[in-house]
Amino acid sequence: MFLENTINHAKQSGWMEVICGSMFSGKTEELIRRLRRAEMAGQSVEIFKPKIDTRYSEEDVVSHNQNKIRSTAVESPSEILLLGSGCDVIAIDEAQFFDDSIVEIANQLANNGVRVVIAGLDMDFLGRPFGPMPALMATAEYVTKVHAICKRTGNLANYSMRTSQSKDLVELGETESYEAVSRRVFVDEVLNRKF
């Protein structure tokens, strides 16, 4: 379970939290939960998402169960520094869609005393580490890996198996294009396929 950093407020600097896992695992839901708690504590909060993510809304970050929070869509991580100036907490959803500069930006924010909360897929549809997520996880103080449940086996699902035929690295989609599956299903249906 994640607990907010509350040790020594007088000497507290910023820090990074990463929430990762497969599709349908509750990453965005957990991100929104943490931001709501920060708002209740009177902290100034700003959330960013990549402009490419228009699945549910262009203005909001929306979880699969329709919980939502107002956000700012940005083209580049460098915009986050400018637009998030003066915030206590900065959140970034779908971080895997940003380029590697997101790692430097997130660390710069944390070094400047900001709490940075990041959510994203840890693996792509082929089970490979996804974009900047490994570097974000390596430099974060806190990493929370959440899991979906595999509907086929009932086991924990930590893979996002693509069910469409696309071979593009990025394909926005929901249940029509992806299924959260366990390792066994992923090995049988993806790793044993020929691409």
N, C-alpha and C. Protein backbone atom coordinates (compact mmCIF):
# COMPACT_ATOMS: atom_id res chain seq x y z
N MET A 1 0.84 -1.18 0.00
CA MET A 1 0.00 0.00 0.00
C MET A 1 0.89 1.24 0.00
N PHE A 2 0.51 2.24 -0.75
CA PHE A 2 1.27 3.47 -0.83
C PHE A 2 0.84 4.42 0.29
N LEU A 3 1.80 4.99 0.97
CA LEU A 3 1.54 6.02 1.98
C LEU A 3 2.26 7.28 1.57
N GLU A 4 1.58 8.41 1.66
CA GLU A 4 2.21 9.68 1.30
C GLU A 4 3.41 9.93 2.19
N ASN A 5 4.40 10.60 1.63
CA ASN A 5 5.65 10.91 2.32
C ASN A 5 5.37 11.96 3.40
N THR A 6 5.54 11.59 4.66
CA THR A 6 5.22 12.52 5.76
C THR A 6 6.30 12.56 6.84
N ILE A 7 7.51 12.20 6.53
CA ILE A 7 8.53 12.03 7.55
C ILE A 7 9.01 13.34 8.16
N ASN A 8 9.69 14.16 7.41
CA ASN A 8 10.31 15.37 7.96
C ASN A 8 9.96 16.56 7.06
N HIS A 9 8.87 17.20 7.36
CA HIS A 9 8.39 18.30 6.53
C HIS A 9 9.36 19.47 6.45
N ALA A 10 10.12 19.72 7.51
CA ALA A 10 11.05 20.85 7.52
C ALA A 10 12.17 20.67 6.50
N LYS A 11 12.55 19.43 6.25
CA LYS A 11 13.64 19.17 5.30
C LYS A 11 13.16 18.41 4.08
N GLN A 12 11.87 18.41 3.85
CA GLN A 12 11.31 17.67 2.73
C GLN A 12 11.61 18.34 1.40
N SER A 13 12.05 17.57 0.47
CA SER A 13 12.21 18.01 -0.91
C SER A 13 11.05 17.41 -1.70
N GLY A 14 11.08 17.58 -2.97
CA GLY A 14 10.07 16.92 -3.79
C GLY A 14 10.39 15.45 -3.94
N TRP A 15 9.51 14.73 -4.60
CA TRP A 15 9.75 13.32 -4.86
C TRP A 15 8.88 12.88 -6.03
N MET A 16 9.20 11.68 -6.53
CA MET A 16 8.46 11.10 -7.65
C MET A 16 7.78 9.80 -7.22
N GLU A 17 6.54 9.65 -7.69
CA GLU A 17 5.77 8.42 -7.49
C GLU A 17 5.38 7.92 -8.87
N VAL A 18 5.57 6.65 -9.14
CA VAL A 18 5.16 6.06 -10.41
C VAL A 18 4.14 4.97 -10.13
N ILE A 19 3.04 5.03 -10.86
CA ILE A 19 2.00 4.01 -10.81
C ILE A 19 2.03 3.33 -12.17
N CYS A 20 2.31 2.03 -12.19
CA CYS A 20 2.45 1.34 -13.47
C CYS A 20 1.69 0.02 -13.45
N GLY A 21 1.51 -0.54 -14.63
CA GLY A 21 0.84 -1.82 -14.77
C GLY A 21 0.26 -1.94 -16.16
N SER A 22 -0.54 -2.97 -16.35
CA SER A 22 -1.16 -3.23 -17.65
C SER A 22 -2.40 -2.35 -17.84
N MET A 23 -2.97 -2.48 -19.01
CA MET A 23 -4.24 -1.80 -19.24
C MET A 23 -5.28 -2.42 -18.31
N PHE A 24 -6.27 -1.63 -17.94
CA PHE A 24 -7.40 -2.06 -17.11
C PHE A 24 -6.99 -2.46 -15.69
N SER A 25 -5.84 -1.97 -15.22
CA SER A 25 -5.35 -2.35 -13.89
C SER A 25 -5.65 -1.30 -12.83
N GLY A 26 -6.16 -0.13 -13.22
CA GLY A 26 -6.51 0.89 -12.24
C GLY A 26 -5.46 1.97 -12.05
N LYS A 27 -4.53 2.13 -13.00
CA LYS A 27 -3.47 3.14 -12.87
C LYS A 27 -4.05 4.54 -12.78
N THR A 28 -4.92 4.88 -13.72
CA THR A 28 -5.49 6.24 -13.73
C THR A 28 -6.40 6.44 -12.52
N GLU A 29 -7.12 5.42 -12.13
CA GLU A 29 -7.98 5.50 -10.94
C GLU A 29 -7.14 5.84 -9.71
N GLU A 30 -5.99 5.19 -9.56
CA GLU A 30 -5.10 5.45 -8.43
C GLU A 30 -4.50 6.85 -8.52
N LEU A 31 -4.15 7.27 -9.72
CA LEU A 31 -3.63 8.62 -9.92
C LEU A 31 -4.65 9.66 -9.47
N ILE A 32 -5.89 9.49 -9.90
CA ILE A 32 -6.96 10.42 -9.52
C ILE A 32 -7.19 10.40 -8.01
N ARG A 33 -7.15 9.22 -7.40
CA ARG A 33 -7.33 9.11 -5.95
C ARG A 33 -6.27 9.91 -5.21
N ARG A 34 -5.02 9.80 -5.62
CA ARG A 34 -3.94 10.54 -4.96
C ARG A 34 -4.11 12.05 -5.15
N LEU A 35 -4.54 12.46 -6.33
CA LEU A 35 -4.73 13.89 -6.57
C LEU A 35 -5.88 14.45 -5.75
N ARG A 36 -6.96 13.71 -5.63
CA ARG A 36 -8.10 14.17 -4.82
C ARG A 36 -7.69 14.35 -3.36
N ARG A 37 -6.86 13.45 -2.85
CA ARG A 37 -6.37 13.57 -1.47
C ARG A 37 -5.51 14.82 -1.31
N ALA A 38 -4.67 15.09 -2.31
CA ALA A 38 -3.83 16.30 -2.26
C ALA A 38 -4.71 17.55 -2.29
N GLU A 39 -5.75 17.55 -3.10
CA GLU A 39 -6.68 18.70 -3.15
C GLU A 39 -7.38 18.88 -1.81
N MET A 40 -7.79 17.76 -1.19
CA MET A 40 -8.44 17.86 0.13
C MET A 40 -7.50 18.44 1.17
N ALA A 41 -6.20 18.23 0.98
CA ALA A 41 -5.20 18.76 1.92
C ALA A 41 -4.85 20.21 1.60
N GLY A 42 -5.51 20.80 0.60
CA GLY A 42 -5.29 22.19 0.26
C GLY A 42 -4.07 22.44 -0.60
N GLN A 43 -3.55 21.40 -1.22
CA GLN A 43 -2.39 21.55 -2.09
C GLN A 43 -2.84 21.93 -3.50
N SER A 44 -2.01 22.72 -4.18
CA SER A 44 -2.32 23.07 -5.57
C SER A 44 -1.86 21.93 -6.47
N VAL A 45 -2.77 21.50 -7.35
CA VAL A 45 -2.56 20.32 -8.17
C VAL A 45 -2.78 20.66 -9.63
N GLU A 46 -1.94 20.11 -10.48
CA GLU A 46 -2.12 20.23 -11.93
C GLU A 46 -1.82 18.87 -12.54
N ILE A 47 -2.65 18.44 -13.48
CA ILE A 47 -2.45 17.15 -14.14
C ILE A 47 -2.29 17.36 -15.63
N PHE A 48 -1.37 16.60 -16.21
CA PHE A 48 -1.06 16.69 -17.63
C PHE A 48 -1.20 15.33 -18.28
N LYS A 49 -1.53 15.36 -19.56
CA LYS A 49 -1.58 14.13 -20.35
C LYS A 49 -1.10 14.46 -21.75
N PRO A 50 -0.66 13.44 -22.50
CA PRO A 50 -0.21 13.69 -23.87
C PRO A 50 -1.40 14.01 -24.78
N LYS A 51 -1.20 14.94 -25.71
CA LYS A 51 -2.27 15.32 -26.64
C LYS A 51 -2.79 14.14 -27.44
N ILE A 52 -1.95 13.15 -27.64
CA ILE A 52 -2.35 11.98 -28.43
C ILE A 52 -3.50 11.21 -27.78
N ASP A 53 -3.64 11.31 -26.46
CA ASP A 53 -4.65 10.52 -25.74
C ASP A 53 -6.00 11.24 -25.73
N THR A 54 -6.83 10.92 -26.70
CA THR A 54 -8.17 11.53 -26.81
C THR A 54 -9.26 10.47 -26.67
N ARG A 55 -8.96 9.33 -26.07
CA ARG A 55 -9.93 8.23 -26.02
C ARG A 55 -11.26 8.62 -25.38
N TYR A 56 -11.23 9.21 -24.21
CA TYR A 56 -12.47 9.56 -23.53
C TYR A 56 -12.76 11.06 -23.60
N SER A 57 -11.70 11.87 -23.57
CA SER A 57 -11.89 13.31 -23.50
C SER A 57 -10.60 14.02 -23.91
N GLU A 58 -10.75 15.18 -24.52
CA GLU A 58 -9.56 15.97 -24.84
C GLU A 58 -9.12 16.81 -23.65
N GLU A 59 -10.04 17.13 -22.72
CA GLU A 59 -9.72 18.00 -21.59
C GLU A 59 -9.51 17.26 -20.28
N ASP A 60 -10.04 16.08 -20.12
CA ASP A 60 -10.00 15.38 -18.84
C ASP A 60 -9.14 14.13 -18.93
N VAL A 61 -8.58 13.74 -17.79
CA VAL A 61 -8.03 12.41 -17.62
C VAL A 61 -9.20 11.58 -17.10
N VAL A 62 -9.48 10.48 -17.77
CA VAL A 62 -10.66 9.67 -17.45
C VAL A 62 -10.23 8.22 -17.27
N SER A 63 -10.65 7.62 -16.16
CA SER A 63 -10.35 6.21 -15.94
C SER A 63 -11.36 5.36 -16.71
N HIS A 64 -11.09 4.07 -16.81
CA HIS A 64 -11.98 3.18 -17.55
C HIS A 64 -13.38 3.11 -16.93
N ASN A 65 -13.49 3.40 -15.63
CA ASN A 65 -14.82 3.39 -15.02
C ASN A 65 -15.43 4.79 -14.96
N GLN A 66 -14.89 5.70 -15.79
CA GLN A 66 -15.44 7.04 -16.00
C GLN A 66 -15.20 8.03 -14.87
N ASN A 67 -14.34 7.71 -13.91
CA ASN A 67 -13.92 8.70 -12.92
C ASN A 67 -13.01 9.66 -13.66
N LYS A 68 -13.17 10.97 -13.45
CA LYS A 68 -12.36 11.91 -14.23
C LYS A 68 -11.92 13.11 -13.42
N ILE A 69 -10.89 13.78 -13.96
CA ILE A 69 -10.34 14.98 -13.35
C ILE A 69 -9.85 15.88 -14.50
N ARG A 70 -10.03 17.17 -14.33
CA ARG A 70 -9.63 18.14 -15.36
C ARG A 70 -8.12 18.07 -15.58
N SER A 71 -7.69 18.12 -16.82
CA SER A 71 -6.26 18.04 -17.13
C SER A 71 -5.89 19.01 -18.24
N THR A 72 -4.62 19.09 -18.51
CA THR A 72 -4.09 19.89 -19.60
C THR A 72 -3.35 18.94 -20.54
N ALA A 73 -3.76 18.90 -21.79
CA ALA A 73 -3.08 18.07 -22.78
C ALA A 73 -1.88 18.84 -23.33
N VAL A 74 -0.73 18.18 -23.39
CA VAL A 74 0.49 18.83 -23.88
C VAL A 74 1.12 17.99 -24.98
N GLU A 75 1.79 18.68 -25.87
CA GLU A 75 2.50 18.04 -26.98
C GLU A 75 3.85 17.50 -26.52
N SER A 76 4.49 18.25 -25.63
CA SER A 76 5.86 17.94 -25.22
C SER A 76 6.01 18.07 -23.71
N PRO A 77 6.86 17.23 -23.10
CA PRO A 77 7.09 17.34 -21.66
C PRO A 77 7.58 18.72 -21.22
N SER A 78 8.29 19.43 -22.08
CA SER A 78 8.81 20.75 -21.70
C SER A 78 7.69 21.72 -21.35
N GLU A 79 6.50 21.53 -21.90
CA GLU A 79 5.35 22.39 -21.59
C GLU A 79 4.93 22.24 -20.13
N ILE A 80 5.19 21.09 -19.55
CA ILE A 80 4.79 20.83 -18.16
C ILE A 80 5.51 21.77 -17.21
N LEU A 81 6.78 22.03 -17.47
CA LEU A 81 7.55 22.96 -16.61
C LEU A 81 6.91 24.34 -16.59
N LEU A 82 6.53 24.83 -17.75
CA LEU A 82 5.94 26.16 -17.86
C LEU A 82 4.53 26.20 -17.26
N LEU A 83 3.69 25.25 -17.65
CA LEU A 83 2.29 25.27 -17.24
C LEU A 83 2.07 24.83 -15.79
N GLY A 84 3.03 24.08 -15.23
CA GLY A 84 2.88 23.59 -13.86
C GLY A 84 3.60 24.44 -12.83
N SER A 85 4.10 25.58 -13.24
CA SER A 85 4.85 26.45 -12.33
C SER A 85 4.01 26.83 -11.11
N GLY A 86 4.60 26.69 -9.93
CA GLY A 86 3.94 27.08 -8.69
C GLY A 86 3.04 26.03 -8.07
N CYS A 87 2.96 24.85 -8.65
CA CYS A 87 2.09 23.79 -8.11
C CYS A 87 2.82 22.98 -7.04
N ASP A 88 2.06 22.50 -6.07
CA ASP A 88 2.61 21.59 -5.06
C ASP A 88 2.73 20.17 -5.60
N VAL A 89 1.74 19.78 -6.41
CA VAL A 89 1.68 18.41 -6.95
C VAL A 89 1.44 18.50 -8.45
N ILE A 90 2.26 17.80 -9.20
CA ILE A 90 2.07 17.70 -10.65
C ILE A 90 1.90 16.23 -10.98
N ALA A 91 0.85 15.93 -11.72
CA ALA A 91 0.58 14.56 -12.13
C ALA A 91 0.68 14.44 -13.64
N ILE A 92 1.12 13.28 -14.08
CA ILE A 92 1.27 13.01 -15.50
C ILE A 92 0.66 11.64 -15.77
N ASP A 93 -0.34 11.61 -16.66
CA ASP A 93 -0.98 10.34 -17.02
C ASP A 93 -0.47 9.89 -18.38
N GLU A 94 -0.50 8.59 -18.61
CA GLU A 94 -0.07 7.99 -19.89
C GLU A 94 1.34 8.42 -20.26
N ALA A 95 2.25 8.37 -19.29
CA ALA A 95 3.62 8.84 -19.48
C ALA A 95 4.37 8.06 -20.55
N GLN A 96 3.95 6.84 -20.84
CA GLN A 96 4.65 6.04 -21.84
C GLN A 96 4.58 6.66 -23.23
N PHE A 97 3.61 7.56 -23.46
CA PHE A 97 3.47 8.19 -24.77
C PHE A 97 4.39 9.40 -24.96
N PHE A 98 5.05 9.85 -23.90
CA PHE A 98 5.99 10.97 -24.01
C PHE A 98 7.36 10.45 -24.42
N ASP A 99 8.19 11.35 -24.94
CA ASP A 99 9.57 10.97 -25.27
C ASP A 99 10.39 10.93 -23.99
N ASP A 100 11.65 10.55 -24.13
CA ASP A 100 12.52 10.36 -22.96
C ASP A 100 12.78 11.63 -22.16
N SER A 101 12.49 12.80 -22.74
CA SER A 101 12.72 14.04 -21.99
C SER A 101 11.80 14.15 -20.77
N ILE A 102 10.75 13.33 -20.71
CA ILE A 102 9.85 13.35 -19.55
C ILE A 102 10.62 12.96 -18.28
N VAL A 103 11.64 12.14 -18.42
CA VAL A 103 12.43 11.69 -17.26
C VAL A 103 13.17 12.89 -16.65
N GLU A 104 13.83 13.66 -17.49
CA GLU A 104 14.54 14.84 -17.01
C GLU A 104 13.58 15.87 -16.42
N ILE A 105 12.44 16.08 -17.08
CA ILE A 105 11.45 17.06 -16.61
C ILE A 105 10.91 16.63 -15.24
N ALA A 106 10.53 15.37 -15.10
CA ALA A 106 9.98 14.88 -13.82
C ALA A 106 11.02 15.01 -12.71
N ASN A 107 12.25 14.67 -12.99
CA ASN A 107 13.31 14.80 -11.98
C ASN A 107 13.57 16.25 -11.64
N GLN A 108 13.56 17.11 -12.61
CA GLN A 108 13.76 18.55 -12.34
C GLN A 108 12.66 19.09 -11.44
N LEU A 109 11.42 18.70 -11.71
CA LEU A 109 10.30 19.13 -10.86
C LEU A 109 10.49 18.64 -9.42
N ALA A 110 10.82 17.34 -9.28
CA ALA A 110 11.02 16.78 -7.93
C ALA A 110 12.20 17.47 -7.24
N ASN A 111 13.26 17.73 -7.97
CA ASN A 111 14.42 18.41 -7.38
C ASN A 111 14.08 19.82 -6.92
N ASN A 112 13.07 20.41 -7.54
CA ASN A 112 12.62 21.77 -7.18
C ASN A 112 11.55 21.75 -6.08
N GLY A 113 11.30 20.59 -5.47
CA GLY A 113 10.38 20.52 -4.34
C GLY A 113 8.96 20.11 -4.66
N VAL A 114 8.69 19.68 -5.89
CA VAL A 114 7.34 19.30 -6.30
C VAL A 114 7.13 17.80 -6.10
N ARG A 115 5.96 17.42 -5.65
CA ARG A 115 5.55 16.02 -5.63
C ARG A 115 5.07 15.70 -7.03
N VAL A 116 5.68 14.73 -7.69
CA VAL A 116 5.35 14.35 -9.06
C VAL A 116 4.76 12.95 -9.05
N VAL A 117 3.52 12.82 -9.53
CA VAL A 117 2.83 11.54 -9.57
C VAL A 117 2.62 11.17 -11.03
N ILE A 118 3.15 10.02 -11.43
CA ILE A 118 3.16 9.61 -12.83
C ILE A 118 2.48 8.26 -12.98
N ALA A 119 1.63 8.13 -14.00
CA ALA A 119 1.00 6.84 -14.29
C ALA A 119 1.28 6.47 -15.74
N GLY A 120 1.48 5.18 -15.97
CA GLY A 120 1.70 4.73 -17.34
C GLY A 120 1.85 3.23 -17.44
N LEU A 121 1.73 2.75 -18.68
CA LEU A 121 1.95 1.34 -18.96
C LEU A 121 3.43 1.02 -18.81
N ASP A 122 3.75 -0.03 -18.09
CA ASP A 122 5.16 -0.40 -17.95
C ASP A 122 5.66 -1.22 -19.12
N MET A 123 4.75 -1.91 -19.84
CA MET A 123 5.15 -2.73 -20.99
C MET A 123 4.25 -2.43 -22.19
N ASP A 124 4.83 -2.59 -23.38
CA ASP A 124 4.04 -2.43 -24.60
C ASP A 124 3.30 -3.73 -24.92
N PHE A 125 2.65 -3.79 -26.07
CA PHE A 125 1.83 -4.95 -26.40
C PHE A 125 2.64 -6.21 -26.68
N LEU A 126 3.96 -6.07 -26.82
CA LEU A 126 4.83 -7.24 -27.01
C LEU A 126 5.55 -7.63 -25.72
N GLY A 127 5.18 -6.98 -24.60
CA GLY A 127 5.78 -7.30 -23.31
C GLY A 127 7.15 -6.70 -23.09
N ARG A 128 7.49 -5.67 -23.87
CA ARG A 128 8.77 -4.99 -23.71
C ARG A 128 8.59 -3.73 -22.87
N PRO A 129 9.62 -3.32 -22.10
CA PRO A 129 9.52 -2.06 -21.37
C PRO A 129 9.12 -0.94 -22.31
N PHE A 130 8.20 -0.08 -21.86
CA PHE A 130 7.55 0.89 -22.74
C PHE A 130 8.13 2.30 -22.55
N GLY A 131 8.79 2.79 -23.58
CA GLY A 131 9.25 4.17 -23.63
C GLY A 131 10.05 4.58 -22.41
N PRO A 132 9.71 5.73 -21.82
CA PRO A 132 10.48 6.26 -20.69
C PRO A 132 10.11 5.63 -19.34
N MET A 133 9.15 4.72 -19.32
CA MET A 133 8.69 4.18 -18.03
C MET A 133 9.80 3.50 -17.21
N PRO A 134 10.69 2.70 -17.79
CA PRO A 134 11.75 2.09 -16.95
C PRO A 134 12.62 3.13 -16.26
N ALA A 135 12.98 4.20 -16.96
CA ALA A 135 13.82 5.24 -16.35
C ALA A 135 13.05 6.01 -15.29
N LEU A 136 11.76 6.22 -15.50
CA LEU A 136 10.94 6.89 -14.49
C LEU A 136 10.84 6.04 -13.23
N MET A 137 10.64 4.74 -13.41
CA MET A 137 10.56 3.84 -12.26
C MET A 137 11.89 3.78 -11.51
N ALA A 138 13.00 3.81 -12.24
CA ALA A 138 14.31 3.71 -11.61
C ALA A 138 14.64 4.94 -10.78
N THR A 139 14.14 6.12 -11.18
CA THR A 139 14.49 7.35 -10.47
C THR A 139 13.43 7.79 -9.47
N ALA A 140 12.30 7.10 -9.43
CA ALA A 140 11.22 7.46 -8.50
C ALA A 140 11.51 6.94 -7.09
N GLU A 141 11.04 7.69 -6.10
CA GLU A 141 11.13 7.22 -4.71
C GLU A 141 10.13 6.10 -4.45
N TYR A 142 8.98 6.17 -5.10
CA TYR A 142 7.92 5.19 -4.87
C TYR A 142 7.42 4.64 -6.21
N VAL A 143 7.32 3.33 -6.30
CA VAL A 143 6.76 2.68 -7.48
C VAL A 143 5.67 1.74 -7.02
N THR A 144 4.48 1.92 -7.58
CA THR A 144 3.35 1.06 -7.27
C THR A 144 2.95 0.35 -8.55
N LYS A 145 3.03 -0.99 -8.54
CA LYS A 145 2.59 -1.76 -9.70
C LYS A 145 1.22 -2.33 -9.39
N VAL A 146 0.26 -1.97 -10.24
CA VAL A 146 -1.11 -2.44 -10.06
C VAL A 146 -1.40 -3.49 -11.13
N HIS A 147 -2.35 -4.36 -10.84
CA HIS A 147 -2.65 -5.47 -11.74
C HIS A 147 -4.14 -5.54 -12.05
N ALA A 148 -4.44 -5.98 -13.24
CA ALA A 148 -5.80 -6.34 -13.60
C ALA A 148 -5.96 -7.83 -13.28
N ILE A 149 -7.14 -8.37 -13.58
CA ILE A 149 -7.38 -9.80 -13.43
C ILE A 149 -7.60 -10.39 -14.82
N CYS A 150 -6.91 -11.47 -15.11
CA CYS A 150 -7.05 -12.14 -16.40
C CYS A 150 -8.40 -12.86 -16.42
N LYS A 151 -9.24 -12.49 -17.38
CA LYS A 151 -10.57 -13.11 -17.47
C LYS A 151 -10.50 -14.57 -17.90
N ARG A 152 -9.40 -14.95 -18.50
CA ARG A 152 -9.27 -16.34 -18.98
C ARG A 152 -8.79 -17.30 -17.90
N THR A 153 -7.89 -16.83 -17.02
CA THR A 153 -7.32 -17.73 -16.01
C THR A 153 -7.72 -17.38 -14.58
N GLY A 154 -8.16 -16.15 -14.36
CA GLY A 154 -8.46 -15.70 -13.00
C GLY A 154 -7.22 -15.27 -12.24
N ASN A 155 -6.06 -15.36 -12.85
CA ASN A 155 -4.80 -14.95 -12.22
C ASN A 155 -4.57 -13.45 -12.42
N LEU A 156 -3.54 -12.93 -11.73
CA LEU A 156 -3.18 -11.54 -11.95
C LEU A 156 -2.78 -11.35 -13.41
N ALA A 157 -3.23 -10.23 -13.97
CA ALA A 157 -2.89 -9.89 -15.35
C ALA A 157 -1.94 -8.71 -15.32
N ASN A 158 -0.75 -8.90 -15.87
CA ASN A 158 0.18 -7.78 -15.95
C ASN A 158 0.65 -7.52 -17.37
N TYR A 159 0.00 -8.11 -18.35
CA TYR A 159 0.31 -7.88 -19.76
C TYR A 159 -0.91 -7.27 -20.46
N SER A 160 -0.63 -6.34 -21.38
CA SER A 160 -1.67 -5.73 -22.21
C SER A 160 -1.59 -6.39 -23.58
N MET A 161 -2.40 -7.41 -23.79
CA MET A 161 -2.36 -8.15 -25.06
C MET A 161 -3.23 -7.44 -26.09
N ARG A 162 -2.64 -7.14 -27.22
CA ARG A 162 -3.39 -6.50 -28.30
C ARG A 162 -4.19 -7.56 -29.03
N THR A 163 -5.47 -7.29 -29.23
CA THR A 163 -6.34 -8.23 -29.92
C THR A 163 -6.59 -7.82 -31.37
N SER A 164 -6.21 -6.60 -31.73
CA SER A 164 -6.32 -6.18 -33.13
C SER A 164 -5.07 -6.65 -33.88
N GLN A 165 -5.07 -6.48 -35.18
CA GLN A 165 -3.96 -6.94 -36.01
C GLN A 165 -2.84 -5.91 -36.18
N SER A 166 -3.00 -4.72 -35.66
CA SER A 166 -2.01 -3.66 -35.85
C SER A 166 -0.67 -4.04 -35.23
N LYS A 167 0.41 -3.67 -35.93
CA LYS A 167 1.76 -3.89 -35.40
C LYS A 167 2.41 -2.59 -34.98
N ASP A 168 1.68 -1.47 -35.05
CA ASP A 168 2.20 -0.18 -34.62
C ASP A 168 2.44 -0.20 -33.11
N LEU A 169 3.51 0.47 -32.67
CA LEU A 169 3.80 0.51 -31.24
C LEU A 169 2.66 1.17 -30.48
N VAL A 170 2.15 2.29 -31.00
CA VAL A 170 1.07 3.01 -30.34
C VAL A 170 -0.22 2.82 -31.13
N GLU A 171 -1.18 2.22 -30.48
CA GLU A 171 -2.54 2.11 -31.02
C GLU A 171 -3.49 2.40 -29.87
N LEU A 172 -4.14 3.57 -29.93
CA LEU A 172 -5.09 3.90 -28.87
C LEU A 172 -6.28 2.97 -28.98
N GLY A 173 -6.72 2.48 -27.86
CA GLY A 173 -7.87 1.59 -27.87
C GLY A 173 -8.28 1.20 -26.48
N GLU A 174 -9.36 0.49 -26.44
CA GLU A 174 -9.91 0.00 -25.18
C GLU A 174 -10.13 -1.50 -25.30
N THR A 175 -11.26 -1.98 -24.81
CA THR A 175 -11.52 -3.42 -24.81
C THR A 175 -11.67 -4.00 -26.22
N GLU A 176 -11.91 -3.13 -27.22
CA GLU A 176 -12.01 -3.63 -28.59
C GLU A 176 -10.63 -3.96 -29.16
N SER A 177 -9.57 -3.44 -28.56
CA SER A 177 -8.22 -3.62 -29.09
C SER A 177 -7.25 -4.31 -28.13
N TYR A 178 -7.60 -4.35 -26.85
CA TYR A 178 -6.68 -4.90 -25.85
C TYR A 178 -7.41 -5.75 -24.83
N GLU A 179 -6.65 -6.67 -24.24
CA GLU A 179 -7.14 -7.50 -23.15
C GLU A 179 -6.01 -7.64 -22.14
N ALA A 180 -6.30 -7.47 -20.87
CA ALA A 180 -5.32 -7.69 -19.82
C ALA A 180 -5.25 -9.19 -19.56
N VAL A 181 -4.04 -9.75 -19.67
CA VAL A 181 -3.90 -11.20 -19.54
C VAL A 181 -2.75 -11.57 -18.61
N SER A 182 -2.80 -12.80 -18.12
CA SER A 182 -1.74 -13.34 -17.27
C SER A 182 -0.54 -13.74 -18.11
N ARG A 183 0.55 -14.03 -17.45
CA ARG A 183 1.76 -14.47 -18.15
C ARG A 183 1.48 -15.70 -19.02
N ARG A 184 0.76 -16.67 -18.50
CA ARG A 184 0.51 -17.91 -19.24
C ARG A 184 -0.20 -17.62 -20.58
N VAL A 185 -1.23 -16.80 -20.52
CA VAL A 185 -1.97 -16.46 -21.74
C VAL A 185 -1.07 -15.66 -22.68
N PHE A 186 -0.30 -14.73 -22.13
CA PHE A 186 0.58 -13.91 -22.97
C PHE A 186 1.61 -14.78 -23.68
N VAL A 187 2.22 -15.71 -22.98
CA VAL A 187 3.21 -16.61 -23.58
C VAL A 187 2.56 -17.43 -24.69
N ASP A 188 1.41 -18.01 -24.39
CA ASP A 188 0.74 -18.88 -25.37
C ASP A 188 0.27 -18.12 -26.60
N GLU A 189 -0.25 -16.91 -26.42
CA GLU A 189 -0.90 -16.23 -27.54
C GLU A 189 -0.07 -15.13 -28.19
N VAL A 190 0.93 -14.61 -27.51
CA VAL A 190 1.73 -13.53 -28.10
C VAL A 190 3.15 -13.99 -28.38
N LEU A 191 3.83 -14.48 -27.39
CA LEU A 191 5.22 -14.87 -27.60
C LEU A 191 5.38 -16.03 -28.56
N ASN A 192 4.39 -16.88 -28.64
CA ASN A 192 4.47 -18.01 -29.57
C ASN A 192 3.92 -17.67 -30.96
N ARG A 193 3.38 -16.44 -31.14
CA ARG A 193 2.96 -15.96 -32.46
C ARG A 193 4.16 -15.48 -33.24
N LYS A 194 4.06 -15.50 -34.53
CA LYS A 194 5.13 -14.93 -35.38
C LYS A 194 4.67 -13.58 -35.86
N PHE A 195 5.48 -12.53 -35.60
CA PHE A 195 5.16 -11.17 -36.05
C PHE A 195 5.94 -10.85 -37.30
